[in-house]
C-alpha atoms as a PDB file:
ATOM      1  CA  MET A   1     -22.486 -18.629  -1.457  1.00  0.00           C
ATOM      2  CA  SER A   2     -24.771 -20.490  -3.876  1.00  0.00           C
ATOM      3  CA  ALA A   3     -23.778 -19.926  -7.485  1.00  0.00           C
ATOM      4  CA  ILE A   4     -26.104 -18.605 -10.165  1.00  0.00           C
ATOM      5  CA  HIS A   5     -26.072 -20.933 -13.158  1.00  0.00           C
ATOM      6  CA  TRP A   6     -27.755 -18.533 -15.553  1.00  0.00           C
ATOM      7  CA  ILE A   7     -28.296 -14.793 -15.850  1.00  0.00           C
ATOM      8  CA  LYS A   8     -30.866 -12.634 -17.587  1.00  0.00           C
ATOM      9  CA  ILE A   9     -29.915 -10.527 -20.589  1.00  0.00           C
ATOM     10  CA  ARG A  10     -32.495  -8.132 -21.977  1.00  0.00           C
ATOM     11  CA  THR A  11     -33.686  -8.854 -25.495  1.00  0.00           C
ATOM     12  CA  ASP A  12     -33.268  -5.162 -26.331  1.00  0.00           C
ATOM     13  CA  ILE A  13     -29.641  -5.077 -25.197  1.00  0.00           C
ATOM     14  CA  PHE A  14     -28.470  -4.074 -28.684  1.00  0.00           C
ATOM     15  CA  SER A  15     -30.922  -1.176 -28.711  1.00  0.00           C
ATOM     16  CA  ASP A  16     -29.230   0.308 -25.649  1.00  0.00           C
ATOM     17  CA  GLU A  17     -27.532   3.600 -26.455  1.00  0.00           C
ATOM     18  CA  LYS A  18     -24.241   2.599 -24.839  1.00  0.00           C
ATOM     19  CA  ILE A  19     -24.109  -0.678 -26.764  1.00  0.00           C
ATOM     20  CA  ARG A  20     -24.828   1.148 -30.032  1.00  0.00           C
ATOM     21  CA  LEU A  21     -21.983   3.561 -29.365  1.00  0.00           C
ATOM     22  CA  ILE A  22     -19.631   0.715 -28.528  1.00  0.00           C
ATOM     23  CA  GLU A  23     -20.537  -0.945 -31.821  1.00  0.00           C
ATOM     24  CA  GLN A  24     -18.972   2.024 -33.598  1.00  0.00           C
ATOM     25  CA  LEU A  25     -15.606   1.514 -31.918  1.00  0.00           C
ATOM     26  CA  PRO A  26     -12.639  -0.495 -33.197  1.00  0.00           C
ATOM     27  CA  GLU A  27     -12.693  -4.067 -31.848  1.00  0.00           C
ATOM     28  CA  ALA A  28     -16.412  -3.615 -31.115  1.00  0.00           C
ATOM     29  CA  ASP A  29     -17.182  -7.337 -31.434  1.00  0.00           C
ATOM     30  CA  SER A  30     -14.470  -8.307 -28.960  1.00  0.00           C
ATOM     31  CA  ILE A  31     -15.487  -5.574 -26.528  1.00  0.00           C
ATOM     32  CA  LEU A  32     -19.129  -6.674 -26.538  1.00  0.00           C
ATOM     33  CA  LEU A  33     -18.155 -10.321 -26.113  1.00  0.00           C
ATOM     34  CA  ILE A  34     -16.025  -9.374 -23.117  1.00  0.00           C
ATOM     35  CA  TRP A  35     -19.049  -7.532 -21.686  1.00  0.00           C
ATOM     36  CA  VAL A  36     -21.174 -10.669 -21.869  1.00  0.00           C
ATOM     37  CA  LYS A  37     -18.339 -12.704 -20.377  1.00  0.00           C
ATOM     38  CA  LEU A  38     -18.081 -10.212 -17.500  1.00  0.00           C
ATOM     39  CA  LEU A  39     -21.807 -10.542 -16.810  1.00  0.00           C
ATOM     40  CA  ALA A  40     -21.520 -14.323 -16.800  1.00  0.00           C
ATOM     41  CA  LEU A  41     -18.514 -14.171 -14.474  1.00  0.00           C
ATOM     42  CA  ALA A  42     -20.378 -11.843 -12.103  1.00  0.00           C
ATOM     43  CA  GLY A  43     -23.223 -14.361 -12.047  1.00  0.00           C
ATOM     44  CA  GLN A  44     -20.818 -17.162 -11.181  1.00  0.00           C
ATOM     45  CA  LYS A  45     -19.352 -15.128  -8.317  1.00  0.00           C
ATOM     46  CA  ASN A  46     -22.831 -14.068  -7.126  1.00  0.00           C
ATOM     47  CA  MET A  47     -21.516 -11.193  -5.025  1.00  0.00           C
ATOM     48  CA  GLY A  48     -23.904  -8.460  -6.072  1.00  0.00           C
ATOM     49  CA  GLY A  49     -22.024  -7.674  -9.266  1.00  0.00           C
ATOM     50  CA  GLU A  50     -18.538  -7.742  -7.747  1.00  0.00           C
ATOM     51  CA  ILE A  51     -15.911  -9.694  -9.669  1.00  0.00           C
ATOM     52  CA  PHE A  52     -12.753 -10.920  -7.927  1.00  0.00           C
ATOM     53  CA  VAL A  53     -10.807 -14.142  -7.427  1.00  0.00           C
ATOM     54  CA  ASN A  54     -11.179 -13.977  -3.629  1.00  0.00           C
ATOM     55  CA  ASP A  55     -11.187 -11.378  -0.855  1.00  0.00           C
ATOM     56  CA  GLU A  56      -7.444 -10.892  -1.173  1.00  0.00           C
ATOM     57  CA  MET A  57      -6.957 -11.228  -4.934  1.00  0.00           C
ATOM     58  CA  PRO A  58      -8.631  -9.169  -7.675  1.00  0.00           C
ATOM     59  CA  TYR A  59      -8.532 -10.179 -11.301  1.00  0.00           C
ATOM     60  CA  THR A  60      -5.626  -8.651 -13.211  1.00  0.00           C
ATOM     61  CA  ASP A  61      -5.927  -7.734 -16.878  1.00  0.00           C
ATOM     62  CA  GLU A  62      -3.713 -10.715 -17.666  1.00  0.00           C
ATOM     63  CA  MET A  63      -5.977 -13.097 -15.731  1.00  0.00           C
ATOM     64  CA  LEU A  64      -9.065 -11.863 -17.553  1.00  0.00           C
ATOM     65  CA  ALA A  65      -7.276 -12.152 -20.876  1.00  0.00           C
ATOM     66  CA  ALA A  66      -6.443 -15.781 -20.066  1.00  0.00           C
ATOM     67  CA  ILE A  67      -9.944 -16.840 -18.992  1.00  0.00           C
ATOM     68  CA  PHE A  68     -11.644 -14.813 -21.763  1.00  0.00           C
ATOM     69  CA  HIS A  69      -9.201 -16.059 -24.416  1.00  0.00           C
ATOM     70  CA  ARG A  70      -8.493 -12.515 -25.570  1.00  0.00           C
ATOM     71  CA  LYS A  71      -5.373 -10.396 -25.896  1.00  0.00           C
ATOM     72  CA  VAL A  72      -4.441  -8.267 -22.893  1.00  0.00           C
ATOM     73  CA  ASN A  73      -4.607  -5.010 -24.849  1.00  0.00           C
ATOM     74  CA  ILE A  74      -8.167  -5.837 -25.962  1.00  0.00           C
ATOM     75  CA  VAL A  75      -9.213  -6.590 -22.371  1.00  0.00           C
ATOM     76  CA  ARG A  76      -7.745  -3.290 -21.205  1.00  0.00           C
ATOM     77  CA  LEU A  77      -9.516  -1.436 -24.003  1.00  0.00           C
ATOM     78  CA  ALA A  78     -12.798  -3.115 -23.057  1.00  0.00           C
ATOM     79  CA  LEU A  79     -12.462  -2.268 -19.343  1.00  0.00           C
ATOM     80  CA  GLU A  80     -11.570   1.347 -20.136  1.00  0.00           C
ATOM     81  CA  THR A  81     -14.596   1.549 -22.418  1.00  0.00           C
ATOM     82  CA  PHE A  82     -16.939   0.097 -19.802  1.00  0.00           C
ATOM     83  CA  GLN A  83     -15.607   2.536 -17.205  1.00  0.00           C
ATOM     84  CA  ARG A  84     -16.078   5.487 -19.540  1.00  0.00           C
ATOM     85  CA  PHE A  85     -19.695   4.490 -20.154  1.00  0.00           C
ATOM     86  CA  ARG A  86     -20.193   3.799 -16.422  1.00  0.00           C
ATOM     87  CA  MET A  87     -21.046   0.182 -17.067  1.00  0.00           C
ATOM     88  CA  ILE A  88     -18.493  -0.904 -14.465  1.00  0.00           C
ATOM     89  CA  GLU A  89     -16.599   0.596 -11.563  1.00  0.00           C
ATOM     90  CA  ILE A  90     -13.136  -0.492 -10.490  1.00  0.00           C
ATOM     91  CA  ALA A  91     -12.525  -0.243  -6.752  1.00  0.00           C
ATOM     92  CA  PRO A  92      -9.193   0.879  -5.271  1.00  0.00           C
ATOM     93  CA  ASP A  93      -8.221  -2.766  -4.755  1.00  0.00           C
ATOM     94  CA  ARG A  94      -9.005  -3.423  -8.472  1.00  0.00           C
ATOM     95  CA  THR A  95     -12.263  -5.278  -7.765  1.00  0.00           C
ATOM     96  CA  ILE A  96     -14.555  -4.941 -10.788  1.00  0.00           C
ATOM     97  CA  VAL A  97     -18.144  -3.975  -9.969  1.00  0.00           C
ATOM     98  CA  ILE A  98     -20.950  -4.227 -12.539  1.00  0.00           C
ATOM     99  CA  CYS A  99     -23.102  -1.110 -12.325  1.00  0.00           C
ATOM    100  CA  ASN A 100     -26.865  -1.666 -12.071  1.00  0.00           C
ATOM    101  CA  TRP A 101     -26.309  -5.388 -11.640  1.00  0.00           C
ATOM    102  CA  SER A 102     -30.000  -5.892 -10.911  1.00  0.00           C
ATOM    103  CA  LYS A 103     -30.695  -5.253 -14.610  1.00  0.00           C
ATOM    104  CA  HIS A 104     -28.697  -8.344 -15.531  1.00  0.00           C
ATOM    105  CA  GLN A 105     -29.156 -10.821 -12.699  1.00  0.00           C
ATOM    106  CA  SER A 106     -31.843 -13.443 -12.328  1.00  0.00           C
ATOM    107  CA  VAL A 107     -34.307 -11.841  -9.957  1.00  0.00           C
ATOM    108  CA  ASP A 108     -36.187 -15.069  -9.271  1.00  0.00           C
ATOM    109  CA  ARG A 109     -33.025 -16.973  -8.512  1.00  0.00           C
ATOM    110  CA  MET A 110     -31.657 -14.157  -6.375  1.00  0.00           C
ATOM    111  CA  GLU A 111     -34.895 -14.072  -4.402  1.00  0.00           C
ATOM    112  CA  LYS A 112     -34.390 -17.718  -3.486  1.00  0.00           C
ATOM    113  CA  ILE A 113     -30.801 -17.030  -2.507  1.00  0.00           C
ATOM    114  CA  ARG A 114     -31.879 -14.009  -0.449  1.00  0.00           C
ATOM    115  CA  ILE A 115     -34.218 -16.248   1.525  1.00  0.00           C
ATOM    116  CA  GLN A 116     -31.452 -18.778   2.096  1.00  0.00           C
ATOM    117  CA  ASP A 117     -29.045 -16.052   3.208  1.00  0.00           C
ATOM    118  CA  ALA A 118     -31.658 -14.533   5.494  1.00  0.00           C
ATOM    119  CA  GLU A 119     -32.237 -17.929   7.109  1.00  0.00           C
ATOM    120  CA  ARG A 120     -28.506 -18.409   7.618  1.00  0.00           C
ATOM    121  CA  ALA A 121     -28.256 -14.928   9.099  1.00  0.00           C
ATOM    122  CA  LYS A 122     -31.162 -15.657  11.418  1.00  0.00           C
ATOM    123  CA  ARG A 123     -29.516 -18.848  12.634  1.00  0.00           C
ATOM    124  CA  TYR A 124     -26.317 -16.910  13.266  1.00  0.00           C
ATOM    125  CA  ARG A 125     -28.246 -14.265  15.203  1.00  0.00           C
ATOM    126  CA  LEU A 126     -29.977 -16.855  17.386  1.00  0.00           C
ATOM    127  CA  ASN A 127     -26.770 -18.773  18.046  1.00  0.00           C
ATOM    128  CA  HIS A 128     -24.943 -15.569  18.927  1.00  0.00           C
ATOM    129  CA  ARG A 129     -27.721 -14.527  21.283  1.00  0.00           C
ATOM    130  CA  LYS A 130     -27.747 -17.942  22.944  1.00  0.00           C
ATOM    131  CA  ARG A 131     -23.984 -17.717  23.475  1.00  0.00           C
ATOM    132  CA  ARG A 132     -24.492 -14.383  25.192  1.00  0.00           C
ATOM    133  CA  ILE A 133     -27.174 -15.903  27.414  1.00  0.00           C
ATOM    134  CA  ASP A 134     -25.012 -18.917  28.228  1.00  0.00           C
ATOM    135  CA  ALA A 135     -22.140 -16.619  29.192  1.00  0.00           C
ATOM    136  CA  SER A 136     -24.536 -14.712  31.424  1.00  0.00           C
ATOM    137  CA  ASP A 137     -25.711 -18.020  32.916  1.00  0.00           C
ATOM    138  CA  ASP A 138     -22.163 -18.910  33.884  1.00  0.00           C
ATOM    139  CA  ARG A 139     -21.583 -15.556  35.541  1.00  0.00           C
ATOM    140  CA  GLN A 140     -24.798 -15.782  37.540  1.00  0.00           C
ATOM    141  CA  LYS A 141     -24.291 -19.378  38.615  1.00  0.00           C
ATOM    142  CA  THR A 142     -20.845 -18.596  39.997  1.00  0.00           C
ATOM    143  CA  HIS A 143     -22.300 -15.832  42.164  1.00  0.00           C
ATOM    144  CA  GLN A 144     -23.024 -17.364  45.544  1.00  0.00           C
ATOM    145  CA  ILE A 145     -24.533 -15.958  48.695  1.00  0.00           C
ATOM    146  CA  THR A 146     -22.947 -16.845  52.020  1.00  0.00           C
ATOM    147  CA  LEU A 147     -25.381 -16.912  54.936  1.00  0.00           C
ATOM    148  CA  ARG A 148     -24.663 -17.220  58.594  1.00  0.00           C
ATOM    149  CA  ASP A 149     -26.985 -19.690  60.275  1.00  0.00           C
ATOM    150  CA  ALA A 150     -27.797 -18.210  63.661  1.00  0.00           C
ATOM    151  CA  SER A 151     -28.572 -21.630  65.102  1.00  0.00           C
ATOM    152  CA  ARG A 152     -25.141 -22.913  64.002  1.00  0.00           C
ATOM    153  CA  ASN A 153     -21.660 -21.615  64.532  1.00  0.00           C
ATOM    154  CA  ASP A 154     -20.300 -22.661  61.127  1.00  0.00           C
ATOM    155  CA  GLY A 155     -20.655 -20.786  57.828  1.00  0.00           C
ATOM    156  CA  VAL A 156     -23.023 -22.158  55.225  1.00  0.00           C
ATOM    157  CA  THR A 157     -22.701 -21.364  51.496  1.00  0.00           C
ATOM    158  CA  VAL A 158     -26.100 -21.281  49.809  1.00  0.00           C
ATOM    159  CA  THR A 159     -26.726 -21.010  46.070  1.00  0.00           C
ATOM    160  CA  PRO A 160     -30.331 -19.978  45.283  1.00  0.00           C
ATOM    161  CA  GLN A 161     -30.364 -22.265  42.247  1.00  0.00           C
ATOM    162  CA  THR A 162     -34.112 -22.178  41.650  1.00  0.00           C
ATOM    163  CA  LYS A 163     -34.217 -18.391  41.781  1.00  0.00           C
ATOM    164  CA  ILE A 164     -31.258 -18.063  39.394  1.00  0.00           C
ATOM    165  CA  GLU A 165     -32.662 -20.578  36.896  1.00  0.00           C
ATOM    166  CA  THR A 166     -36.027 -18.782  36.917  1.00  0.00           C
ATOM    167  CA  LYS A 167     -34.312 -15.460  36.267  1.00  0.00           C
ATOM    168  CA  ILE A 168     -32.211 -16.972  33.473  1.00  0.00           C
ATOM    169  CA  GLU A 169     -35.216 -18.595  31.816  1.00  0.00           C
ATOM    170  CA  THR A 170     -37.147 -15.330  31.967  1.00  0.00           C
ATOM    171  CA  LYS A 171     -34.237 -13.506  30.364  1.00  0.00           C
ATOM    172  CA  ARG A 172     -33.962 -16.192  27.688  1.00  0.00           C
ATOM    173  CA  GLU A 173     -37.658 -15.961  26.858  1.00  0.00           C
ATOM    174  CA  ASN A 174     -37.554 -12.159  26.723  1.00  0.00           C
ATOM    175  CA  LEU A 175     -34.617 -12.144  24.324  1.00  0.00           C
ATOM    176  CA  LEU A 176     -35.813 -14.909  22.036  1.00  0.00           C
ATOM    177  CA  SER A 177     -39.383 -13.614  21.922  1.00  0.00           C
ATOM    178  CA  ARG A 178     -38.198 -10.661  19.870  1.00  0.00           C
ATOM    179  CA  ASP A 179     -38.056 -12.938  16.835  1.00  0.00           C
ATOM    180  CA  LYS A 180     -41.729 -13.799  17.323  1.00  0.00           C
ATOM    181  CA  GLU A 181     -42.611 -10.116  17.402  1.00  0.00           C
ATOM    182  CA  GLY A 182     -40.838  -9.669  14.077  1.00  0.00           C
ATOM    183  CA  ILE A 183     -38.341  -7.058  12.986  1.00  0.00           C
ATOM    184  CA  ASP A 184     -38.998  -5.330   9.696  1.00  0.00           C
ATOM    185  CA  GLU A 185     -37.988  -2.198   7.813  1.00  0.00           C
ATOM    186  CA  CYS A 186     -40.190  -0.071  10.065  1.00  0.00           C
ATOM    187  CA  SER A 187     -38.464  -1.128  13.277  1.00  0.00           C
ATOM    188  CA  PRO A 188     -35.999   1.137  15.132  1.00  0.00           C
ATOM    189  CA  GLU A 189     -33.346  -1.591  14.911  1.00  0.00           C
ATOM    190  CA  PHE A 190     -33.529  -1.502  11.125  1.00  0.00           C
ATOM    191  CA  SER A 191     -33.252   2.297  10.928  1.00  0.00           C
ATOM    192  CA  GLU A 192     -30.319   2.435  13.333  1.00  0.00           C
ATOM    193  CA  ALA A 193     -28.418  -0.350  11.584  1.00  0.00           C
ATOM    194  CA  LYS A 194     -29.130   1.142   8.162  1.00  0.00           C
ATOM    195  CA  ILE A 195     -27.765   4.546   9.182  1.00  0.00           C
ATOM    196  CA  TRP A 196     -24.671   2.959  10.714  1.00  0.00           C
ATOM    197  CA  LEU A 197     -23.898   0.784   7.673  1.00  0.00           C
ATOM    198  CA  SER A 198     -24.608   3.645   5.273  1.00  0.00           C
ATOM    199  CA  LYS A 199     -22.014   5.802   7.038  1.00  0.00           C
ATOM    200  CA  LEU A 200     -19.588   2.879   7.081  1.00  0.00           C
ATOM    201  CA  PHE A 201     -19.689   2.640   3.271  1.00  0.00           C
ATOM    202  CA  GLY A 202     -20.234   6.321   2.474  1.00  0.00           C
ATOM    203  CA  ARG A 203     -23.744   5.558   1.289  1.00  0.00           C
ATOM    204  CA  SER A 204     -26.941   7.451   1.770  1.00  0.00           C
ATOM    205  CA  PRO A 205     -29.801   5.765   3.633  1.00  0.00           C
ATOM    206  CA  LEU A 206     -32.180   7.605   1.296  1.00  0.00           C
ATOM    207  CA  GLU A 207     -33.471   5.980  -1.868  1.00  0.00           C
ATOM    208  CA  TRP A 208     -32.692   8.877  -4.180  1.00  0.00           C
ATOM    209  CA  ILE A 209     -30.403  11.868  -3.930  1.00  0.00           C
ATOM    210  CA  ARG A 210     -30.566  14.560  -6.605  1.00  0.00           C
ATOM    211  CA  GLY A 211     -32.144  12.142  -9.017  1.00  0.00           C
ATOM    212  CA  ARG A 212     -29.353   9.590  -8.716  1.00  0.00           C
ATOM    213  CA  LYS A 213     -29.953   6.298  -6.996  1.00  0.00           C
ATOM    214  CA  ARG A 214     -27.423   5.759  -4.253  1.00  0.00           C
ATOM    215  CA  GLY A 215     -29.661   4.196  -1.674  1.00  0.00           C
ATOM    216  CA  TRP A 216     -30.310   0.635  -0.620  1.00  0.00           C
ATOM    217  CA  SER A 217     -31.474  -2.129  -2.932  1.00  0.00           C
ATOM    218  CA  ASP A 218     -34.283  -4.492  -1.980  1.00  0.00           C
ATOM    219  CA  GLU A 219     -31.728  -7.271  -1.628  1.00  0.00           C
ATOM    220  CA  GLU A 220     -29.639  -5.245   0.831  1.00  0.00           C
ATOM    221  CA  LYS A 221     -32.717  -4.398   2.897  1.00  0.00           C
ATOM    222  CA  SER A 222     -33.828  -8.030   2.976  1.00  0.00           C
ATOM    223  CA  LEU A 223     -30.412  -9.230   4.124  1.00  0.00           C
ATOM    224  CA  LEU A 224     -30.205  -6.555   6.823  1.00  0.00           C
ATOM    225  CA  VAL A 225     -33.618  -7.513   8.234  1.00  0.00           C
ATOM    226  CA  GLY A 226     -32.380 -11.099   8.487  1.00  0.00           C
ATOM    227  CA  LEU A 227     -29.340  -9.990  10.493  1.00  0.00           C
ATOM    228  CA  LEU A 228     -31.204  -7.862  13.034  1.00  0.00           C
ATOM    229  CA  PRO A 229     -30.705  -7.161  15.801  1.00  0.00           C
ATOM    230  CA  ILE A 230     -26.948  -6.649  15.417  1.00  0.00           C
ATOM    231  CA  SER A 231     -25.288  -6.684  18.819  1.00  0.00           C
ATOM    232  CA  ARG A 232     -23.378  -3.625  20.012  1.00  0.00           C
ATOM    233  CA  GLU A 233     -20.299  -5.826  20.343  1.00  0.00           C
ATOM    234  CA  ASP A 234     -20.423  -6.914  16.685  1.00  0.00           C
ATOM    235  CA  GLN A 235     -21.142  -3.371  15.518  1.00  0.00           C
ATOM    236  CA  GLU A 236     -18.164  -1.952  17.402  1.00  0.00           C
ATOM    237  CA  LEU A 237     -15.958  -4.769  16.102  1.00  0.00           C
ATOM    238  CA  ILE A 238     -16.864  -4.134  12.449  1.00  0.00           C
ATOM    239  CA  GLN A 239     -16.543  -0.371  12.984  1.00  0.00           C
ATOM    240  CA  TRP A 240     -13.056  -0.880  14.390  1.00  0.00           C
ATOM    241  CA  GLY A 241     -11.913  -3.117  11.538  1.00  0.00           C
ATOM    242  CA  TYR A 242     -13.338  -0.932   8.780  1.00  0.00           C
ATOM    243  CA  SER A 243     -11.840   2.206  10.348  1.00  0.00           C
ATOM    244  CA  LEU A 244      -8.276   0.901  10.153  1.00  0.00           C
ATOM    245  CA  PRO A 245      -6.013   2.642   7.627  1.00  0.00           C
ATOM    246  CA  ARG A 246      -5.769   0.916   4.248  1.00  0.00           C
ATOM    247  CA  ASN A 247      -3.171   0.801   1.527  1.00  0.00           C
ATOM    248  CA  SER A 248      -3.785   1.420  -2.172  1.00  0.00           C
ATOM    249  CA  GLU A 249      -4.825  -2.221  -2.667  1.00  0.00           C
ATOM    250  CA  GLY A 250      -7.518  -2.090   0.014  1.00  0.00           C
ATOM    251  CA  TRP A 251      -5.639  -3.988   2.732  1.00  0.00           C
ATOM    252  CA  ALA A 252      -6.306  -2.984   6.340  1.00  0.00           C
ATOM    253  CA  LEU A 253      -3.099  -2.045   8.133  1.00  0.00           C
ATOM    254  CA  ILE A 254      -2.020  -2.368  11.758  1.00  0.00           C
ATOM    255  CA  ASP A 255       1.354  -0.787  12.539  1.00  0.00           C
ATOM    256  CA  GLY A 256       1.996  -0.634   8.819  1.00  0.00           C
ATOM    257  CA  GLU A 257       1.500  -4.363   8.271  1.00  0.00           C
ATOM    258  CA  ARG A 258      -1.157  -5.849   5.991  1.00  0.00           C
ATOM    259  CA  ILE A 259      -3.776  -7.727   8.001  1.00  0.00           C
ATOM    260  CA  THR A 260      -6.840  -8.517   5.878  1.00  0.00           C
ATOM    261  CA  LYS A 261      -9.227  -6.850   3.470  1.00  0.00           C
ATOM    262  CA  PRO A 262     -12.579  -5.376   4.535  1.00  0.00           C
ATOM    263  CA  LYS A 263     -15.479  -6.083   2.199  1.00  0.00           C
ATOM    264  CA  GLN A 264     -15.524  -3.639  -0.674  1.00  0.00           C
ATOM    265  CA  SER A 265     -19.283  -3.336  -0.819  1.00  0.00           C
ATOM    266  CA  LEU A 266     -22.208  -3.223   1.570  1.00  0.00           C
ATOM    267  CA  LEU A 267     -23.865  -6.157  -0.196  1.00  0.00           C
ATOM    268  CA  ALA A 268     -20.795  -8.350   0.240  1.00  0.00           C
ATOM    269  CA  LEU A 269     -20.690  -7.539   3.967  1.00  0.00           C
ATOM    270  CA  LEU A 270     -24.385  -8.335   4.432  1.00  0.00           C
ATOM    271  CA  HIS A 271     -23.998 -11.649   2.602  1.00  0.00           C
ATOM    272  CA  GLU A 272     -21.111 -12.770   4.816  1.00  0.00           C
ATOM    273  CA  PHE A 273     -21.692 -10.805   8.007  1.00  0.00           C
ATOM    274  CA  SER A 274     -21.173 -13.695  10.428  1.00  0.00           C
ATOM    275  CA  SER A 275     -17.873 -14.801   8.877  1.00  0.00           C
ATOM    276  CA  GLU A 276     -16.739 -11.178   8.700  1.00  0.00           C
ATOM    277  CA  VAL A 277     -17.427 -10.734  12.431  1.00  0.00           C
ATOM    278  CA  ASP A 278     -15.467 -13.897  13.206  1.00  0.00           C
ATOM    279  CA  LYS A 279     -12.599 -12.710  11.016  1.00  0.00           C
ATOM    280  CA  TRP A 280     -12.303  -9.324  12.710  1.00  0.00           C
ATOM    281  CA  ARG A 281     -12.689 -10.852  16.165  1.00  0.00           C
ATOM    282  CA  SER A 282      -9.643 -12.996  15.392  1.00  0.00           C
ATOM    283  CA  VAL A 283      -7.754  -9.972  14.037  1.00  0.00           C
ATOM    284  CA  GLN A 284      -8.544  -7.911  17.123  1.00  0.00           C
ATOM    285  CA  SER A 285      -7.601 -10.767  19.434  1.00  0.00           C
ATOM    286  CA  ASN A 286      -4.233 -11.165  17.701  1.00  0.00           C
ATOM    287  CA  ALA A 287      -3.654  -7.422  17.814  1.00  0.00           C
ATOM    288  CA  ASN A 288      -4.413  -7.311  21.545  1.00  0.00           C
ATOM    289  CA  SER A 289      -2.120 -10.283  22.153  1.00  0.00           C
ATOM    290  CA  SER A 290       0.688  -8.459  20.358  1.00  0.00           C
ATOM    291  CA  ASP A 291       0.114  -5.352  22.471  1.00  0.00           C
ATOM    292  CA  ASP A 292       0.306  -7.454  25.644  1.00  0.00           C
ATOM    293  CA  ASP A 293       3.508  -9.234  24.570  1.00  0.00           C
ATOM    294  CA  PRO A 294       6.282  -7.925  26.847  1.00  0.00           C
ATOM    295  CA  ASP A 295       8.888  -8.673  24.178  1.00  0.00           C
ATOM    296  CA  ASP A 296       7.378  -6.152  21.749  1.00  0.00           C
END
């Protein structure tokens, strides 16, 4: 993921009602400095406002105190204050999420990154589709037709190579031509994928519900368009992985053992969809191998 080297901060930040209220609290200066440091850290991570060390390690209060050069009790006070004012959310696995991150991020820079991510997603989609075609090629080429030549007494094995190659090429052109037609937010593929992912993260596919925005951001929509069409195989794989039971820290469990952590946000999944598919394919393969092990 390309890092953001600067973020936008509104010039009227100190006119914001929440900031004014925080200024009346004890340790107000330290709390506000920690807020700015959190925004900068979120920009460095560039994960849609999520702040964590890596997928398997959230920041502890002690870690933040060390990198912010502040006392632990001040960091805890700041985080509690930000939660109370709904400036941040803390996920079950302790990942810190900046609320309304789009107010603070560099829109221009993020637009460039969105394009880069969409291009990477498109390359993944094409490569995945070509692998499916190649696998189909192998299956068709191994299918042979045995004919009995009436004028001869011996069997002759004939492979209609030209016919198979023509059929394969036609299939290849039909599949790859979908990119030329273009898939956008009005396409059925987009609507179906959006509904599926919304259910996966407990989100609403609608833009507004009861006056509160819980829908999809423009960035999420753009990334999803770049991923389409998502194969049924990949969809079922992600559904399987994200449906596994989890512990209090967000780890997915198989037979009570920690395996890996699903992405904590829709945006994070969309950014790293291809690597997430590969990760869960490996997890499922290992799980199936364990089930097949006669010693278990």
